[in-house]
Amino acid sequence: MKSILQRLVEKKARLNARRPLSASAAARLKDYFDVEWTYHSNAIEGSTLTLRETEVVLHDGLTIGGKTLREHLEATNHKQAIDFVEALAREAESLTEHNLRQIHALVLKGIDDEEAGRYRRGQVRISGSEFIPPDPSAVPGLMRDFIAWLTDEAQSRSPVERAALAHFRLVDIHPFTDGNGRTARLLMNLILIRAGYPPAVVRQEERLRYYEALDQAHAGNTDLFVMMMAEAVEKSLDIFLAA
């Protein structure tokens, strides 16, 4: 674990030495990650839009025959959530519960407006997992504790560890009826971007490994999950360095 975290620090230092990137390079990288991040994050949750179809929806505003309205909204909503997260990352203020609810509201906009940005009021089960999220009555207090951890204790961790653990902890609380995974990955990348790292993309072909790592984390061992997120950060750093 220490070796990859140290490698990330070294690669980020190399990237910092090349900053600021040219306007054209920065624009190309943003465009690339907007599509990749949106496609993979939604595919993990079951969207059938392909990478190319996601690109067409985001770039051209076209609808894809045979695909649902929900899948189109998931793509355009996620892109708006990325833009919001990047704007938040440029601000100096600490993250708040309100910020997280704003991110979630964008994820579910037009899909489930009643639940968008609202903590769940019922119990939920996660398909394919033995993990049972906390009782809904506990969610408000757990979210207050989560934000307190994020703004205090978590600051002693490296940015990559902090981002990965924030991702896991939000999924562990599972504060929303739907959209928890996408919101948690957006939060992780908000923390990474604010610390000067590129966004990490959890790829849909690694979906099974991702869920297995989450199951281990729910059981008390977060090492595999943090390692997987660190590997995703390294892939993104390599793309930035190559550009």
Protein backbone atom coordinates (compact mmCIF):
# COMPACT_ATOMS: atom_id res chain seq x y z
CA MET A 1 0.00 0.00 0.00
CA LYS A 2 2.74 2.46 0.98
CA SER A 3 4.58 1.84 -2.30
CA ILE A 4 1.65 2.80 -4.53
CA LEU A 5 0.78 5.83 -2.38
CA GLN A 6 4.38 7.01 -2.60
CA ARG A 7 4.35 6.42 -6.36
CA LEU A 8 1.23 8.57 -6.66
CA VAL A 9 2.94 11.41 -4.77
CA GLU A 10 5.92 11.18 -7.13
CA LYS A 11 3.76 11.12 -10.27
CA LYS A 12 1.69 14.05 -9.02
CA ALA A 13 4.94 15.98 -8.44
CA ARG A 14 5.93 15.28 -12.06
CA LEU A 15 2.51 16.48 -13.21
CA ASN A 16 2.77 19.62 -11.07
CA ALA A 17 6.11 20.39 -12.71
CA ARG A 18 4.35 20.48 -16.09
CA ARG A 19 1.53 22.69 -14.97
CA PRO A 20 -0.14 24.81 -16.07
CA LEU A 21 -1.23 22.62 -18.97
CA SER A 22 -1.99 24.36 -22.23
CA ALA A 23 -5.61 25.37 -22.73
CA SER A 24 -6.03 22.84 -25.54
CA ALA A 25 -4.53 19.98 -23.49
CA ALA A 26 -6.68 20.84 -20.46
CA ALA A 27 -9.81 20.95 -22.63
CA ARG A 28 -9.01 17.60 -24.25
CA LEU A 29 -8.41 15.96 -20.88
CA LYS A 30 -11.64 17.35 -19.42
CA ASP A 31 -13.60 16.16 -22.42
CA TYR A 32 -12.03 12.70 -22.20
CA PHE A 33 -12.67 12.29 -18.47
CA ASP A 34 -16.21 13.71 -18.63
CA VAL A 35 -17.18 10.92 -21.04
CA GLU A 36 -15.14 8.12 -19.43
CA TRP A 37 -16.21 8.96 -15.88
CA THR A 38 -19.89 9.30 -16.88
CA TYR A 39 -19.95 6.12 -18.95
CA HIS A 40 -18.24 3.88 -16.41
CA SER A 41 -20.03 5.26 -13.33
CA ASN A 42 -23.43 4.76 -14.94
CA ALA A 43 -22.51 1.37 -16.46
CA ILE A 44 -21.56 0.09 -13.00
CA GLU A 45 -25.12 0.92 -11.93
CA GLY A 46 -26.70 -0.88 -14.90
CA SER A 47 -26.93 1.68 -17.71
CA THR A 48 -26.75 0.03 -21.15
CA LEU A 49 -25.44 3.12 -22.96
CA THR A 50 -22.11 2.30 -24.60
CA LEU A 51 -19.07 4.56 -24.35
CA ARG A 52 -19.71 5.87 -27.86
CA GLU A 53 -23.42 6.41 -27.16
CA THR A 54 -22.57 8.30 -23.97
CA GLU A 55 -20.24 10.53 -25.97
CA VAL A 56 -22.97 11.24 -28.53
CA VAL A 57 -25.53 12.08 -25.81
CA LEU A 58 -23.10 14.44 -24.03
CA HIS A 59 -21.55 16.09 -27.08
CA ASP A 60 -24.41 16.22 -29.56
CA GLY A 61 -27.47 16.15 -27.32
CA LEU A 62 -28.93 13.32 -29.42
CA THR A 63 -31.16 10.52 -28.21
CA ILE A 64 -30.19 6.92 -28.85
CA GLY A 65 -32.83 4.60 -30.29
CA GLY A 66 -33.80 1.73 -28.03
CA LYS A 67 -32.39 3.39 -24.90
CA THR A 68 -34.58 4.63 -22.06
CA LEU A 69 -35.20 8.24 -21.05
CA ARG A 70 -33.70 7.37 -17.66
CA GLU A 71 -30.42 6.29 -19.26
CA HIS A 72 -30.22 9.56 -21.21
CA LEU A 73 -30.94 11.56 -18.06
CA GLU A 74 -28.34 9.59 -16.11
CA ALA A 75 -25.71 10.64 -18.65
CA THR A 76 -26.62 14.33 -18.88
CA ASN A 77 -27.20 14.59 -15.12
CA HIS A 78 -23.82 13.06 -14.38
CA LYS A 79 -22.07 15.53 -16.66
CA GLN A 80 -23.80 18.40 -14.83
CA ALA A 81 -22.76 16.85 -11.51
CA ILE A 82 -19.13 16.68 -12.70
CA ASP A 83 -19.21 20.38 -13.60
CA PHE A 84 -20.68 21.18 -10.18
CA VAL A 85 -18.06 19.05 -8.39
CA GLU A 86 -15.25 20.75 -10.31
CA ALA A 87 -16.64 24.16 -9.31
CA LEU A 88 -16.82 23.07 -5.66
CA ALA A 89 -13.24 21.80 -5.86
CA ARG A 90 -12.05 25.31 -6.73
CA GLU A 91 -13.58 26.73 -3.54
CA ALA A 92 -11.73 26.81 -0.23
CA GLU A 93 -14.71 26.15 2.03
CA SER A 94 -15.09 22.78 3.75
CA LEU A 95 -17.59 20.35 2.27
CA THR A 96 -21.02 20.25 3.89
CA GLU A 97 -24.02 17.94 3.99
CA HIS A 98 -25.76 20.49 1.79
CA ASN A 99 -23.04 20.07 -0.86
CA LEU A 100 -23.53 16.30 -0.88
CA ARG A 101 -27.28 16.69 -1.18
CA GLN A 102 -26.77 19.12 -4.06
CA ILE A 103 -24.60 16.55 -5.86
CA HIS A 104 -27.19 13.84 -5.29
CA ALA A 105 -29.99 16.14 -6.46
CA LEU A 106 -28.17 16.58 -9.78
CA VAL A 107 -27.67 12.82 -10.14
CA LEU A 108 -31.40 12.10 -9.77
CA LYS A 109 -32.80 15.26 -11.42
CA GLY A 110 -35.80 14.37 -13.56
CA ILE A 111 -35.43 10.69 -12.62
CA ASP A 112 -36.82 10.81 -9.10
CA ASP A 113 -37.38 14.43 -8.12
CA GLU A 114 -39.10 13.45 -4.87
CA GLU A 115 -35.97 11.67 -3.58
CA ALA A 116 -33.34 13.86 -5.27
CA GLY A 117 -31.15 15.43 -2.59
CA ARG A 118 -33.23 13.90 0.19
CA TYR A 119 -32.10 11.35 2.79
CA ARG A 120 -33.98 8.07 2.58
CA ARG A 121 -36.91 7.45 4.87
CA GLY A 122 -37.09 3.69 4.39
CA GLN A 123 -34.85 0.66 4.68
CA VAL A 124 -33.04 -0.46 1.54
CA ARG A 125 -31.27 -3.64 0.47
CA ILE A 126 -28.28 -3.81 -1.86
CA SER A 127 -28.74 -6.40 -4.59
CA GLY A 128 -26.11 -9.14 -4.48
CA SER A 129 -24.64 -8.02 -1.16
CA GLU A 130 -25.10 -9.32 2.38
CA PHE A 131 -24.49 -5.81 3.72
CA ILE A 132 -27.58 -4.21 5.27
CA PRO A 133 -27.40 -0.39 5.36
CA PRO A 134 -28.22 1.43 8.62
CA ASP A 135 -31.79 2.08 9.69
CA PRO A 136 -33.10 5.27 8.02
CA SER A 137 -33.63 6.92 11.41
CA ALA A 138 -29.86 6.75 11.95
CA VAL A 139 -28.94 8.40 8.64
CA PRO A 140 -29.08 12.11 9.68
CA GLY A 141 -26.81 11.53 12.68
CA LEU A 142 -24.43 9.33 10.67
CA MET A 143 -24.17 12.01 8.00
CA ARG A 144 -23.34 14.67 10.60
CA ASP A 145 -20.64 12.35 11.96
CA PHE A 146 -19.38 11.68 8.44
CA ILE A 147 -18.94 15.37 7.64
CA ALA A 148 -17.24 15.92 11.02
CA TRP A 149 -14.82 13.05 10.21
CA LEU A 150 -14.20 14.41 6.71
CA THR A 151 -13.34 17.91 7.92
CA ASP A 152 -11.26 16.83 10.92
CA GLU A 153 -9.84 13.33 11.45
CA ALA A 154 -9.67 12.49 7.74
CA GLN A 155 -7.37 15.44 7.09
CA SER A 156 -4.50 13.48 8.68
CA ARG A 157 -4.71 10.96 5.81
CA SER A 158 -3.11 11.35 2.40
CA PRO A 159 -5.54 12.84 -0.15
CA VAL A 160 -5.90 9.52 -1.99
CA GLU A 161 -6.65 7.58 1.20
CA ARG A 162 -9.03 10.30 2.35
CA ALA A 163 -10.88 10.29 -0.97
CA ALA A 164 -11.16 6.49 -1.07
CA LEU A 165 -12.35 6.22 2.53
CA ALA A 166 -14.88 9.03 2.02
CA HIS A 167 -16.19 7.11 -1.00
CA PHE A 168 -16.55 3.94 1.07
CA ARG A 169 -18.02 5.63 4.15
CA LEU A 170 -20.74 7.33 2.14
CA VAL A 171 -21.67 4.03 0.49
CA ASP A 172 -21.62 2.40 3.94
CA ILE A 173 -24.16 4.92 5.28
CA HIS A 174 -26.15 4.62 2.04
CA PRO A 175 -28.01 7.86 2.85
CA PHE A 176 -30.15 7.98 -0.29
CA THR A 177 -32.76 5.67 -1.78
CA ASP A 178 -30.88 5.58 -5.10
CA GLY A 179 -27.75 7.10 -6.59
CA ASN A 180 -25.44 6.39 -3.64
CA GLY A 181 -22.63 4.88 -5.72
CA ARG A 182 -22.54 7.69 -8.26
CA THR A 183 -22.67 10.32 -5.51
CA ALA A 184 -19.85 8.58 -3.60
CA ARG A 185 -17.63 8.43 -6.70
CA LEU A 186 -18.33 12.12 -7.38
CA LEU A 187 -17.40 12.93 -3.78
CA MET A 188 -14.17 10.92 -4.07
CA ASN A 189 -13.17 12.84 -7.17
CA LEU A 190 -14.10 16.18 -5.64
CA ILE A 191 -11.57 15.44 -2.88
CA LEU A 192 -8.96 14.28 -5.39
CA ILE A 193 -9.38 17.27 -7.72
CA ARG A 194 -9.24 19.69 -4.81
CA ALA A 195 -5.91 18.09 -3.81
CA GLY A 196 -4.52 18.48 -7.34
CA TYR A 197 -5.06 14.93 -8.55
CA PRO A 198 -6.99 13.95 -11.68
CA PRO A 199 -10.33 12.18 -11.23
CA ALA A 200 -10.26 8.42 -10.67
CA VAL A 201 -12.46 6.29 -12.92
CA VAL A 202 -13.81 3.02 -11.53
CA ARG A 203 -14.25 1.01 -14.74
CA GLN A 204 -17.30 -1.11 -15.39
CA GLU A 205 -15.16 -4.12 -16.36
CA GLU A 206 -13.88 -4.05 -12.77
CA ARG A 207 -17.40 -3.96 -11.36
CA LEU A 208 -17.16 -7.37 -9.65
CA ARG A 209 -13.81 -6.52 -8.03
CA TYR A 210 -15.24 -3.16 -6.95
CA TYR A 211 -18.20 -4.77 -5.22
CA GLU A 212 -16.00 -7.43 -3.62
CA ALA A 213 -13.72 -4.69 -2.26
CA LEU A 214 -16.77 -2.84 -0.91
CA ASP A 215 -18.00 -6.04 0.77
CA GLN A 216 -14.62 -6.45 2.47
CA ALA A 217 -14.73 -2.81 3.57
CA HIS A 218 -18.25 -3.26 4.98
CA ALA A 219 -16.83 -6.19 6.97
CA GLY A 220 -14.11 -3.96 8.42
CA ASN A 221 -11.13 -4.30 6.04
CA THR A 222 -10.77 -1.23 3.81
CA ASP A 223 -7.27 -2.05 2.49
CA LEU A 224 -8.37 -3.69 -0.78
CA PHE A 225 -10.81 -0.87 -1.50
CA VAL A 226 -8.23 1.86 -0.87
CA MET A 227 -5.73 -0.03 -3.04
CA MET A 228 -8.22 -0.31 -5.90
CA MET A 229 -9.00 3.41 -5.78
CA ALA A 230 -5.26 4.20 -5.66
CA GLU A 231 -4.76 2.10 -8.79
CA ALA A 232 -7.54 4.06 -10.51
CA VAL A 233 -5.85 7.33 -9.54
CA GLU A 234 -2.55 6.05 -10.96
CA LYS A 235 -4.18 5.22 -14.31
CA SER A 236 -5.54 8.76 -14.50
CA LEU A 237 -2.17 10.28 -13.55
CA ASP A 238 -0.52 8.26 -16.32
CA ILE A 239 -3.05 9.64 -18.84
CA PHE A 240 -2.39 13.21 -17.69
CA LEU A 241 1.39 12.70 -17.85
CA ALA A 242 1.16 11.22 -21.33
CA ALA A 243 -0.82 14.27 -22.46
